[in-house]
């Protein structure tokens, strides 16, 4: 008897139950088509990312080959490190980047020190710059995009009180020389 009541209730609400079944079928189709396609796309993108991220990593476990490759890379790097005599050129390059962005350098100090077992010289230049935040961001981007090797050791921003949008940038930039 209860079964007949259930059947009558289903027949009475056939539009409602028909809509529910239709929504369920549409959900299954959506899951089957769209979500699977996205999963395949995600897997392809991850594989492509890993291929681009690690293109020259040797697949072999041979330690001698890895040491040889590391030695070649180290010699290439050392070939790109300029001699100490080019320090003035690097300072001039930073000064040109400042001028390109309409900024003035204040309080420039240098600190040379021997760095590591490779007999490299590390020259740390500390200075401050005052300007608009957009100018300072552009200056830092220019340093990062420079062909020379610059390391940003310390970056600090401080808003200038009672000024309209001016910011003080404290910066330590290191360069390495042979």
N, C-alpha and C. Protein backbone atom coordinates (compact mmCIF):
# COMPACT_ATOMS: atom_id res chain seq x y z
N UNK A 1 0.82 -1.18 0.00
CA UNK A 1 0.00 0.00 0.00
C UNK A 1 0.87 1.25 0.00
N UNK A 2 1.94 1.23 0.77
CA UNK A 2 2.82 2.38 0.79
C UNK A 2 3.48 2.57 -0.57
N UNK A 3 3.76 1.47 -1.25
CA UNK A 3 4.39 1.55 -2.56
C UNK A 3 3.50 2.28 -3.55
N UNK A 4 2.20 2.01 -3.51
CA UNK A 4 1.26 2.68 -4.42
C UNK A 4 1.18 4.16 -4.11
N UNK A 5 1.31 4.51 -2.84
CA UNK A 5 1.29 5.93 -2.47
C UNK A 5 2.52 6.66 -3.01
N UNK A 6 3.62 5.97 -2.95
CA UNK A 6 4.86 6.57 -3.46
C UNK A 6 4.74 6.79 -4.97
N UNK A 7 4.20 5.79 -5.66
CA UNK A 7 4.03 5.91 -7.12
C UNK A 7 3.09 7.06 -7.44
N UNK A 8 1.99 7.18 -6.70
CA UNK A 8 1.05 8.29 -6.93
C UNK A 8 1.72 9.64 -6.67
N UNK A 9 2.54 9.71 -5.61
CA UNK A 9 3.23 10.97 -5.31
C UNK A 9 4.22 11.32 -6.42
N UNK A 10 4.89 10.30 -6.96
CA UNK A 10 5.82 10.56 -8.06
C UNK A 10 5.08 11.02 -9.31
N UNK A 11 3.93 10.40 -9.61
CA UNK A 11 3.14 10.82 -10.78
C UNK A 11 2.59 12.22 -10.59
N UNK A 12 2.22 12.55 -9.39
CA UNK A 12 1.66 13.87 -9.12
C UNK A 12 2.73 14.96 -9.31
N UNK A 13 3.97 14.63 -8.93
CA UNK A 13 5.08 15.60 -9.04
C UNK A 13 6.01 15.25 -10.20
N UNK A 14 5.46 14.82 -11.33
CA UNK A 14 6.30 14.34 -12.43
C UNK A 14 7.17 15.45 -13.03
N UNK A 15 6.73 16.69 -13.07
CA UNK A 15 7.57 17.78 -13.60
C UNK A 15 8.78 18.01 -12.69
N UNK A 16 8.53 17.95 -11.40
CA UNK A 16 9.63 18.14 -10.45
C UNK A 16 10.66 17.03 -10.59
N UNK A 17 10.19 15.78 -10.59
CA UNK A 17 11.12 14.65 -10.68
C UNK A 17 11.76 14.56 -12.05
N UNK A 18 11.05 14.94 -13.07
CA UNK A 18 11.64 14.98 -14.41
C UNK A 18 12.76 16.00 -14.48
N UNK A 19 12.53 17.15 -13.84
CA UNK A 19 13.57 18.18 -13.80
C UNK A 19 14.79 17.68 -13.03
N UNK A 20 14.56 16.99 -11.92
CA UNK A 20 15.68 16.46 -11.13
C UNK A 20 16.50 15.46 -11.93
N UNK A 21 15.83 14.56 -12.65
CA UNK A 21 16.53 13.57 -13.47
C UNK A 21 17.31 14.27 -14.58
N UNK A 22 16.69 15.28 -15.21
CA UNK A 22 17.36 16.02 -16.28
C UNK A 22 18.60 16.73 -15.74
N UNK A 23 18.50 17.36 -14.59
CA UNK A 23 19.66 18.04 -13.99
C UNK A 23 20.75 17.03 -13.66
N UNK A 24 20.39 15.87 -13.15
CA UNK A 24 21.36 14.83 -12.84
C UNK A 24 22.08 14.37 -14.11
N UNK A 25 21.33 14.15 -15.18
CA UNK A 25 21.96 13.72 -16.44
C UNK A 25 22.88 14.80 -17.01
N UNK A 26 22.43 16.05 -16.94
CA UNK A 26 23.28 17.15 -17.42
C UNK A 26 24.56 17.26 -16.59
N UNK A 27 24.46 17.05 -15.30
CA UNK A 27 25.64 17.09 -14.44
C UNK A 27 26.61 15.97 -14.80
N UNK A 28 26.10 14.78 -15.06
CA UNK A 28 26.95 13.66 -15.45
C UNK A 28 27.65 13.94 -16.79
N UNK A 29 26.91 14.48 -17.74
CA UNK A 29 27.49 14.81 -19.05
C UNK A 29 28.56 15.90 -18.88
N UNK A 30 28.25 16.91 -18.11
CA UNK A 30 29.21 17.99 -17.87
C UNK A 30 30.49 17.45 -17.25
N UNK A 31 30.34 16.59 -16.25
CA UNK A 31 31.51 16.00 -15.60
C UNK A 31 32.31 15.16 -16.58
N UNK A 32 31.62 14.36 -17.37
CA UNK A 32 32.31 13.48 -18.30
C UNK A 32 33.05 14.26 -19.37
N UNK A 33 32.47 15.33 -19.87
CA UNK A 33 33.07 16.05 -20.99
C UNK A 33 34.05 17.11 -20.52
N UNK A 34 33.60 18.04 -19.72
CA UNK A 34 34.40 19.21 -19.39
C UNK A 34 35.51 18.88 -18.39
N UNK A 35 35.18 18.22 -17.32
CA UNK A 35 36.16 17.97 -16.26
C UNK A 35 37.26 17.05 -16.76
N UNK A 36 36.94 16.03 -17.51
CA UNK A 36 37.97 15.14 -18.04
C UNK A 36 38.90 15.89 -18.99
N UNK A 37 38.34 16.75 -19.82
CA UNK A 37 39.15 17.54 -20.75
C UNK A 37 40.10 18.45 -19.96
N UNK A 38 39.59 19.03 -18.89
CA UNK A 38 40.45 19.90 -18.08
C UNK A 38 41.54 19.11 -17.38
N UNK A 39 41.22 17.92 -16.91
CA UNK A 39 42.25 17.09 -16.27
C UNK A 39 43.36 16.77 -17.26
N UNK A 40 42.99 16.40 -18.48
CA UNK A 40 44.00 16.11 -19.50
C UNK A 40 44.83 17.35 -19.80
N UNK A 41 44.18 18.48 -19.88
CA UNK A 41 44.89 19.73 -20.15
C UNK A 41 45.85 20.07 -19.02
N UNK A 42 45.44 19.88 -17.79
CA UNK A 42 46.30 20.15 -16.64
C UNK A 42 47.52 19.24 -16.66
N UNK A 43 47.32 17.96 -16.97
CA UNK A 43 48.45 17.04 -17.03
C UNK A 43 49.43 17.43 -18.14
N UNK A 44 48.90 17.85 -19.30
CA UNK A 44 49.77 18.29 -20.39
C UNK A 44 50.56 19.54 -19.99
N UNK A 45 49.90 20.49 -19.33
CA UNK A 45 50.57 21.72 -18.92
C UNK A 45 51.65 21.43 -17.88
N UNK A 46 51.38 20.51 -16.95
CA UNK A 46 52.39 20.15 -15.96
C UNK A 46 53.59 19.48 -16.61
N UNK A 47 53.35 18.61 -17.58
CA UNK A 47 54.45 17.95 -18.28
C UNK A 47 55.27 18.98 -19.06
N UNK A 48 54.60 19.91 -19.73
CA UNK A 48 55.30 20.95 -20.48
C UNK A 48 56.12 21.84 -19.55
N UNK A 49 55.56 22.17 -18.38
CA UNK A 49 56.28 22.99 -17.40
C UNK A 49 57.54 22.27 -16.93
N UNK A 50 57.43 21.00 -16.61
CA UNK A 50 58.60 20.28 -16.11
C UNK A 50 59.66 20.12 -17.21
N UNK A 51 59.25 19.99 -18.48
CA UNK A 51 60.22 19.92 -19.57
C UNK A 51 60.96 21.24 -19.73
N UNK A 52 60.24 22.36 -19.63
CA UNK A 52 60.89 23.66 -19.78
C UNK A 52 61.71 24.02 -18.56
N UNK A 53 61.28 23.59 -17.40
CA UNK A 53 61.96 23.97 -16.16
C UNK A 53 63.28 23.23 -16.01
N UNK A 54 63.36 21.99 -16.45
CA UNK A 54 64.56 21.17 -16.28
C UNK A 54 65.03 20.61 -17.62
N UNK A 55 65.40 21.47 -18.59
CA UNK A 55 65.74 20.92 -19.90
C UNK A 55 67.11 20.25 -19.96
N UNK A 56 68.10 20.76 -19.21
CA UNK A 56 69.46 20.27 -19.35
C UNK A 56 69.91 19.39 -18.19
N UNK A 57 69.00 18.94 -17.38
CA UNK A 57 69.37 18.11 -16.24
C UNK A 57 69.74 16.73 -16.77
N UNK A 58 70.93 16.27 -16.46
CA UNK A 58 71.31 14.95 -16.95
C UNK A 58 70.45 13.86 -16.33
N UNK A 59 69.98 12.98 -17.16
CA UNK A 59 69.10 11.90 -16.70
C UNK A 59 69.89 10.77 -16.04
N UNK A 60 71.15 10.70 -16.34
CA UNK A 60 71.95 9.62 -15.79
C UNK A 60 72.42 9.93 -14.38
N UNK A 61 72.74 8.92 -13.67
CA UNK A 61 73.18 9.07 -12.28
C UNK A 61 74.70 9.12 -12.18
N UNK A 62 75.38 9.22 -13.28
CA UNK A 62 76.83 9.20 -13.29
C UNK A 62 77.38 10.47 -12.66
N UNK A 63 78.03 10.34 -11.52
CA UNK A 63 78.54 11.50 -10.79
C UNK A 63 79.67 12.19 -11.54
N UNK A 64 80.47 11.46 -12.25
CA UNK A 64 81.58 12.07 -12.99
C UNK A 64 81.02 13.01 -14.06
N UNK A 65 79.99 12.58 -14.75
CA UNK A 65 79.39 13.44 -15.78
C UNK A 65 78.80 14.69 -15.15
N UNK A 66 78.18 14.55 -14.00
CA UNK A 66 77.61 15.72 -13.33
C UNK A 66 78.71 16.70 -12.90
N UNK A 67 79.83 16.17 -12.40
CA UNK A 67 80.94 17.04 -12.01
C UNK A 67 81.53 17.75 -13.23
N UNK A 68 81.63 17.04 -14.34
CA UNK A 68 82.15 17.68 -15.56
C UNK A 68 81.22 18.81 -16.02
N UNK A 69 79.93 18.56 -16.00
CA UNK A 69 78.96 19.59 -16.41
C UNK A 69 79.04 20.77 -15.46
N UNK A 70 79.15 20.49 -14.15
CA UNK A 70 79.26 21.58 -13.17
C UNK A 70 80.54 22.37 -13.39
N UNK A 71 81.63 21.70 -13.74
CA UNK A 71 82.89 22.39 -14.01
C UNK A 71 82.78 23.30 -15.23
N UNK A 72 82.12 22.81 -16.27
CA UNK A 72 81.91 23.64 -17.47
C UNK A 72 81.06 24.85 -17.13
N UNK A 73 79.99 24.64 -16.38
CA UNK A 73 79.12 25.76 -16.01
C UNK A 73 79.85 26.76 -15.13
N UNK A 74 80.71 26.28 -14.24
CA UNK A 74 81.48 27.18 -13.38
C UNK A 74 82.47 28.00 -14.20
N UNK A 75 83.12 27.37 -15.19
CA UNK A 75 84.04 28.12 -16.05
C UNK A 75 83.28 29.15 -16.87
N UNK A 76 82.08 28.81 -17.35
CA UNK A 76 81.27 29.78 -18.09
C UNK A 76 80.90 30.96 -17.20
N UNK A 77 80.51 30.66 -15.96
CA UNK A 77 80.16 31.73 -15.03
C UNK A 77 81.37 32.62 -14.75
N UNK A 78 82.50 32.00 -14.47
CA UNK A 78 83.70 32.78 -14.16
C UNK A 78 84.14 33.61 -15.37
N UNK A 79 83.84 33.13 -16.57
CA UNK A 79 84.15 33.91 -17.77
C UNK A 79 83.29 35.16 -17.87
N UNK A 80 82.11 35.13 -17.27
CA UNK A 80 81.21 36.29 -17.31
C UNK A 80 81.45 37.27 -16.18
N UNK A 81 82.21 36.86 -15.16
CA UNK A 81 82.50 37.76 -14.04
C UNK A 81 83.60 38.72 -14.49
N UNK A 82 83.34 40.02 -14.41
CA UNK A 82 84.33 41.00 -14.90
C UNK A 82 85.50 41.17 -13.93
N UNK A 83 86.62 41.71 -14.41
CA UNK A 83 87.74 42.00 -13.51
C UNK A 83 87.43 43.21 -12.63
N UNK A 84 88.21 43.35 -11.53
CA UNK A 84 87.97 44.43 -10.56
C UNK A 84 88.02 45.81 -11.20
N UNK A 85 88.78 45.95 -12.24
CA UNK A 85 88.94 47.25 -12.88
C UNK A 85 87.63 47.78 -13.46
N UNK A 86 86.66 46.93 -13.64
CA UNK A 86 85.38 47.36 -14.23
C UNK A 86 84.37 47.82 -13.19
N UNK A 87 84.81 47.96 -11.96
CA UNK A 87 83.90 48.39 -10.90
C UNK A 87 83.30 49.76 -11.20
N UNK A 88 84.11 50.66 -11.72
CA UNK A 88 83.62 52.01 -12.02
C UNK A 88 82.52 51.94 -13.08
N UNK A 89 82.65 51.03 -14.04
CA UNK A 89 81.61 50.88 -15.07
C UNK A 89 80.29 50.44 -14.44
N UNK A 90 80.36 49.55 -13.46
CA UNK A 90 79.13 49.09 -12.81
C UNK A 90 78.46 50.22 -12.04
N UNK A 91 79.26 51.05 -11.36
CA UNK A 91 78.69 52.19 -10.64
C UNK A 91 78.07 53.16 -11.63
N UNK A 92 78.75 53.37 -12.75
CA UNK A 92 78.21 54.25 -13.79
C UNK A 92 76.89 53.69 -14.34
N UNK A 93 76.83 52.38 -14.50
CA UNK A 93 75.60 51.76 -14.99
C UNK A 93 74.44 51.99 -14.02
N UNK A 94 74.69 51.84 -12.73
CA UNK A 94 73.64 52.10 -11.74
C UNK A 94 73.23 53.57 -11.79
N UNK A 95 74.22 54.45 -11.93
CA UNK A 95 73.92 55.88 -12.01
C UNK A 95 73.07 56.20 -13.25
N UNK A 96 73.37 55.55 -14.38
CA UNK A 96 72.57 55.76 -15.59
C UNK A 96 71.14 55.24 -15.41
N UNK A 97 71.00 54.11 -14.72
CA UNK A 97 69.65 53.59 -14.45
C UNK A 97 68.87 54.56 -13.58
N UNK A 98 69.54 55.15 -12.62
CA UNK A 98 68.88 56.16 -11.77
C UNK A 98 68.43 57.35 -12.60
N UNK A 99 69.32 57.85 -13.47
CA UNK A 99 68.97 59.00 -14.29
C UNK A 99 67.83 58.67 -15.25
N UNK A 100 67.83 57.46 -15.80
CA UNK A 100 66.77 57.06 -16.72
C UNK A 100 65.40 57.11 -16.03
N UNK A 101 65.38 56.83 -14.73
CA UNK A 101 64.13 56.83 -13.98
C UNK A 101 63.88 58.16 -13.27
N UNK A 102 64.72 59.15 -13.51
CA UNK A 102 64.53 60.47 -12.92
C UNK A 102 64.79 60.51 -11.42
N UNK A 103 65.79 59.76 -10.96
CA UNK A 103 66.09 59.67 -9.52
C UNK A 103 67.50 60.18 -9.24
N UNK A 104 67.73 60.59 -8.00
CA UNK A 104 69.04 61.05 -7.55
C UNK A 104 69.53 60.17 -6.40
N UNK A 105 70.80 59.79 -6.45
CA UNK A 105 71.41 58.94 -5.43
C UNK A 105 71.92 59.82 -4.28
N UNK A 106 71.74 59.33 -3.03
CA UNK A 106 72.26 60.03 -1.85
C UNK A 106 73.07 59.05 -1.01
N UNK A 107 74.18 59.51 -0.47
CA UNK A 107 74.94 58.73 0.51
C UNK A 107 75.50 57.44 -0.01
N UNK A 108 76.28 57.47 -1.07
CA UNK A 108 76.84 56.26 -1.66
C UNK A 108 78.07 55.82 -0.87
N UNK A 109 78.08 54.56 -0.42
CA UNK A 109 79.24 53.98 0.25
C UNK A 109 79.55 52.63 -0.38
N UNK A 110 80.84 52.26 -0.38
CA UNK A 110 81.29 50.99 -0.94
C UNK A 110 81.95 50.17 0.14
N UNK A 111 81.80 48.86 0.03
CA UNK A 111 82.44 47.97 0.99
C UNK A 111 82.98 46.76 0.21
N UNK A 112 84.29 46.75 -0.09
CA UNK A 112 84.86 45.58 -0.78
C UNK A 112 85.21 44.48 0.22
N UNK A 113 85.03 43.25 -0.20
CA UNK A 113 85.43 42.12 0.64
C UNK A 113 85.67 40.90 -0.24
N UNK A 114 86.55 40.04 0.22
CA UNK A 114 86.83 38.80 -0.50
C UNK A 114 85.69 37.83 -0.22
N UNK A 115 85.18 37.20 -1.27
CA UNK A 115 84.00 36.34 -1.11
C UNK A 115 84.31 34.93 -1.58
N UNK A 116 84.25 34.00 -0.66
CA UNK A 116 84.30 32.58 -0.99
C UNK A 116 85.66 32.07 -1.44
N UNK A 117 85.72 30.76 -1.71
CA UNK A 117 86.98 30.13 -2.08
C UNK A 117 87.38 30.38 -3.54
N UNK A 118 86.53 31.04 -4.32
CA UNK A 118 86.81 31.25 -5.74
C UNK A 118 87.64 32.51 -5.98
N UNK A 119 88.07 33.17 -4.91
CA UNK A 119 88.85 34.41 -4.98
C UNK A 119 88.10 35.51 -5.73
N UNK A 120 86.83 35.59 -5.48
CA UNK A 120 86.02 36.67 -6.04
C UNK A 120 86.01 37.84 -5.07
N UNK A 121 85.85 39.03 -5.62
CA UNK A 121 85.69 40.23 -4.80
C UNK A 121 84.24 40.65 -4.87
N UNK A 122 83.69 40.90 -3.70
CA UNK A 122 82.30 41.36 -3.60
C UNK A 122 82.33 42.83 -3.19
N UNK A 123 81.79 43.67 -4.05
CA UNK A 123 81.68 45.10 -3.74
C UNK A 123 80.22 45.40 -3.43
N UNK A 124 79.96 45.78 -2.20
CA UNK A 124 78.61 46.13 -1.79
C UNK A 124 78.49 47.65 -1.78
N UNK A 125 77.54 48.15 -2.54
CA UNK A 125 77.28 49.59 -2.62
C UNK A 125 75.98 49.87 -1.88
N UNK A 126 76.03 50.77 -0.92
CA UNK A 126 74.84 51.16 -0.17
C UNK A 126 74.51 52.60 -0.51
N UNK A 127 73.25 52.87 -0.77
CA UNK A 127 72.82 54.24 -1.05
C UNK A 127 71.33 54.35 -0.84
N UNK A 128 70.85 55.57 -0.86
CA UNK A 128 69.40 55.79 -0.74
C UNK A 128 68.95 56.68 -1.89
N UNK A 129 67.69 56.55 -2.21
CA UNK A 129 67.08 57.26 -3.32
C UNK A 129 65.70 57.72 -2.87
N UNK A 130 65.31 58.92 -3.28
CA UNK A 130 63.97 59.42 -2.96
C UNK A 130 63.23 59.66 -4.27
N UNK A 131 61.99 59.17 -4.32
CA UNK A 131 61.18 59.37 -5.52
C UNK A 131 59.80 58.78 -5.33
N UNK A 132 59.04 58.79 -6.39
CA UNK A 132 57.72 58.18 -6.38
C UNK A 132 57.88 56.66 -6.43
N UNK A 133 56.89 55.96 -5.88
CA UNK A 133 56.98 54.50 -5.79
C UNK A 133 57.12 53.87 -7.18
N UNK A 134 56.39 54.40 -8.16
CA UNK A 134 56.47 53.85 -9.52
C UNK A 134 57.88 54.01 -10.10
N UNK A 135 58.54 55.14 -9.82
CA UNK A 135 59.91 55.34 -10.29
C UNK A 135 60.86 54.34 -9.64
N UNK A 136 60.67 54.12 -8.34
CA UNK A 136 61.54 53.21 -7.62
C UNK A 136 61.36 51.77 -8.09
N UNK A 137 60.11 51.39 -8.33
CA UNK A 137 59.85 50.04 -8.86
C UNK A 137 60.50 49.86 -10.22
N UNK A 138 60.39 50.87 -11.06
CA UNK A 138 60.99 50.81 -12.39
C UNK A 138 62.51 50.71 -12.29
N UNK A 139 63.11 51.43 -11.35
CA UNK A 139 64.56 51.37 -11.15
C UNK A 139 65.00 49.98 -10.72
N UNK A 140 64.28 49.38 -9.77
CA UNK A 140 64.62 48.03 -9.31
C UNK A 140 64.46 47.02 -10.45
N UNK A 141 63.41 47.18 -11.25
CA UNK A 141 63.22 46.29 -12.41
C UNK A 141 64.36 46.44 -13.40
N UNK A 142 64.83 47.67 -13.61
CA UNK A 142 65.96 47.89 -14.51
C UNK A 142 67.23 47.22 -13.99
N UNK A 143 67.44 47.25 -12.68
CA UNK A 143 68.61 46.57 -12.10
C UNK A 143 68.50 45.06 -12.35
N UNK A 144 67.32 44.52 -12.13
CA UNK A 144 67.13 43.08 -12.31
C UNK A 144 67.27 42.66 -13.77
N UNK A 145 66.88 43.53 -14.69
CA UNK A 145 66.95 43.20 -16.12
C UNK A 145 68.29 43.56 -16.74
N UNK A 146 69.21 44.07 -15.96
CA UNK A 146 70.52 44.47 -16.47
C UNK A 146 71.31 43.23 -16.91
N UNK A 147 72.16 43.42 -17.90
CA UNK A 147 73.01 42.31 -18.34
C UNK A 147 74.15 42.05 -17.37
N UNK A 148 74.47 43.03 -16.55
CA UNK A 148 75.51 42.86 -15.54
C UNK A 148 74.96 42.07 -14.36
N UNK A 149 75.89 41.50 -13.58
CA UNK A 149 75.48 40.71 -12.42
C UNK A 149 75.35 41.64 -11.23
N UNK A 150 74.12 41.90 -10.82
CA UNK A 150 73.84 42.70 -9.63
C UNK A 150 73.02 41.85 -8.68
N UNK A 151 73.38 41.89 -7.40
CA UNK A 151 72.61 41.18 -6.37
C UNK A 151 72.01 42.23 -5.44
N UNK A 152 70.70 42.19 -5.29
CA UNK A 152 70.04 43.11 -4.36
C UNK A 152 70.08 42.48 -2.98
N UNK A 153 70.97 42.98 -2.12
CA UNK A 153 71.13 42.41 -0.78
C UNK A 153 70.10 42.94 0.20
N UNK A 154 69.75 44.21 0.05
CA UNK A 154 68.82 44.82 1.01
C UNK A 154 68.00 45.87 0.27
N UNK A 155 66.69 45.81 0.46
CA UNK A 155 65.78 46.79 -0.12
C UNK A 155 64.82 47.21 0.99
N UNK A 156 64.72 48.52 1.22
CA UNK A 156 63.76 49.00 2.22
C UNK A 156 63.08 50.26 1.71
N UNK A 157 61.78 50.30 1.92
CA UNK A 157 60.97 51.46 1.53
C UNK A 157 60.50 52.16 2.79
N UNK A 158 60.50 53.49 2.74
CA UNK A 158 60.02 54.28 3.87
C UNK A 158 59.32 55.50 3.32
N UNK A 159 58.07 55.67 3.70
CA UNK A 159 57.31 56.82 3.21
C UNK A 159 57.82 58.10 3.87
N UNK A 160 58.00 59.12 3.06
CA UNK A 160 58.47 60.41 3.57
C UNK A 160 57.29 61.14 4.19
N UNK A 161 57.38 61.54 5.47
CA UNK A 161 56.25 62.23 6.09
C UNK A 161 56.04 63.61 5.46
N UNK A 162 54.77 64.01 5.42
CA UNK A 162 54.36 65.31 4.89
C UNK A 162 54.81 65.54 3.44
N UNK A 163 54.85 64.49 2.67
CA UNK A 163 55.15 64.63 1.24
C UNK A 163 54.05 63.92 0.47
N UNK A 164 53.86 64.33 -0.71
CA UNK A 164 52.78 63.76 -1.52
C UNK A 164 53.30 62.59 -2.34
N UNK A 165 53.30 61.43 -1.75
CA UNK A 165 53.65 60.21 -2.47
C UNK A 165 55.13 59.93 -2.61
N UNK A 166 55.99 60.68 -1.95
CA UNK A 166 57.42 60.40 -2.04
C UNK A 166 57.80 59.27 -1.08
N UNK A 167 58.75 58.46 -1.54
CA UNK A 167 59.20 57.30 -0.77
C UNK A 167 60.72 57.30 -0.78
N UNK A 168 61.32 56.96 0.36
CA UNK A 168 62.77 56.76 0.44
C UNK A 168 63.06 55.28 0.23
N UNK A 169 64.00 55.00 -0.65
CA UNK A 169 64.43 53.63 -0.92
C UNK A 169 65.85 53.47 -0.42
N UNK A 170 66.04 52.56 0.53
CA UNK A 170 67.38 52.19 0.98
C UNK A 170 67.78 50.92 0.25
N UNK A 171 68.96 50.92 -0.34
CA UNK A 171 69.33 49.81 -1.22
C UNK A 171 70.78 49.43 -1.00
N UNK A 172 71.04 48.12 -0.96
CA UNK A 172 72.40 47.58 -0.98
C UNK A 172 72.50 46.68 -2.20
N UNK A 173 73.40 47.03 -3.10
CA UNK A 173 73.60 46.27 -4.33
C UNK A 173 75.01 45.72 -4.31
N UNK A 174 75.14 44.41 -4.55
CA UNK A 174 76.46 43.79 -4.60
C UNK A 174 76.79 43.39 -6.03
N UNK A 175 78.06 43.56 -6.37
CA UNK A 175 78.57 43.09 -7.65
C UNK A 175 79.82 42.27 -7.36
N UNK A 176 80.08 41.30 -8.20
CA UNK A 176 81.22 40.41 -8.00
C UNK A 176 82.25 40.62 -9.11
N UNK A 177 83.52 40.56 -8.73
CA UNK A 177 84.62 40.76 -9.67
C UNK A 177 85.71 39.73 -9.41
N UNK A 178 86.54 39.52 -10.44
CA UNK A 178 87.69 38.61 -10.31
C UNK A 178 88.84 39.35 -9.68
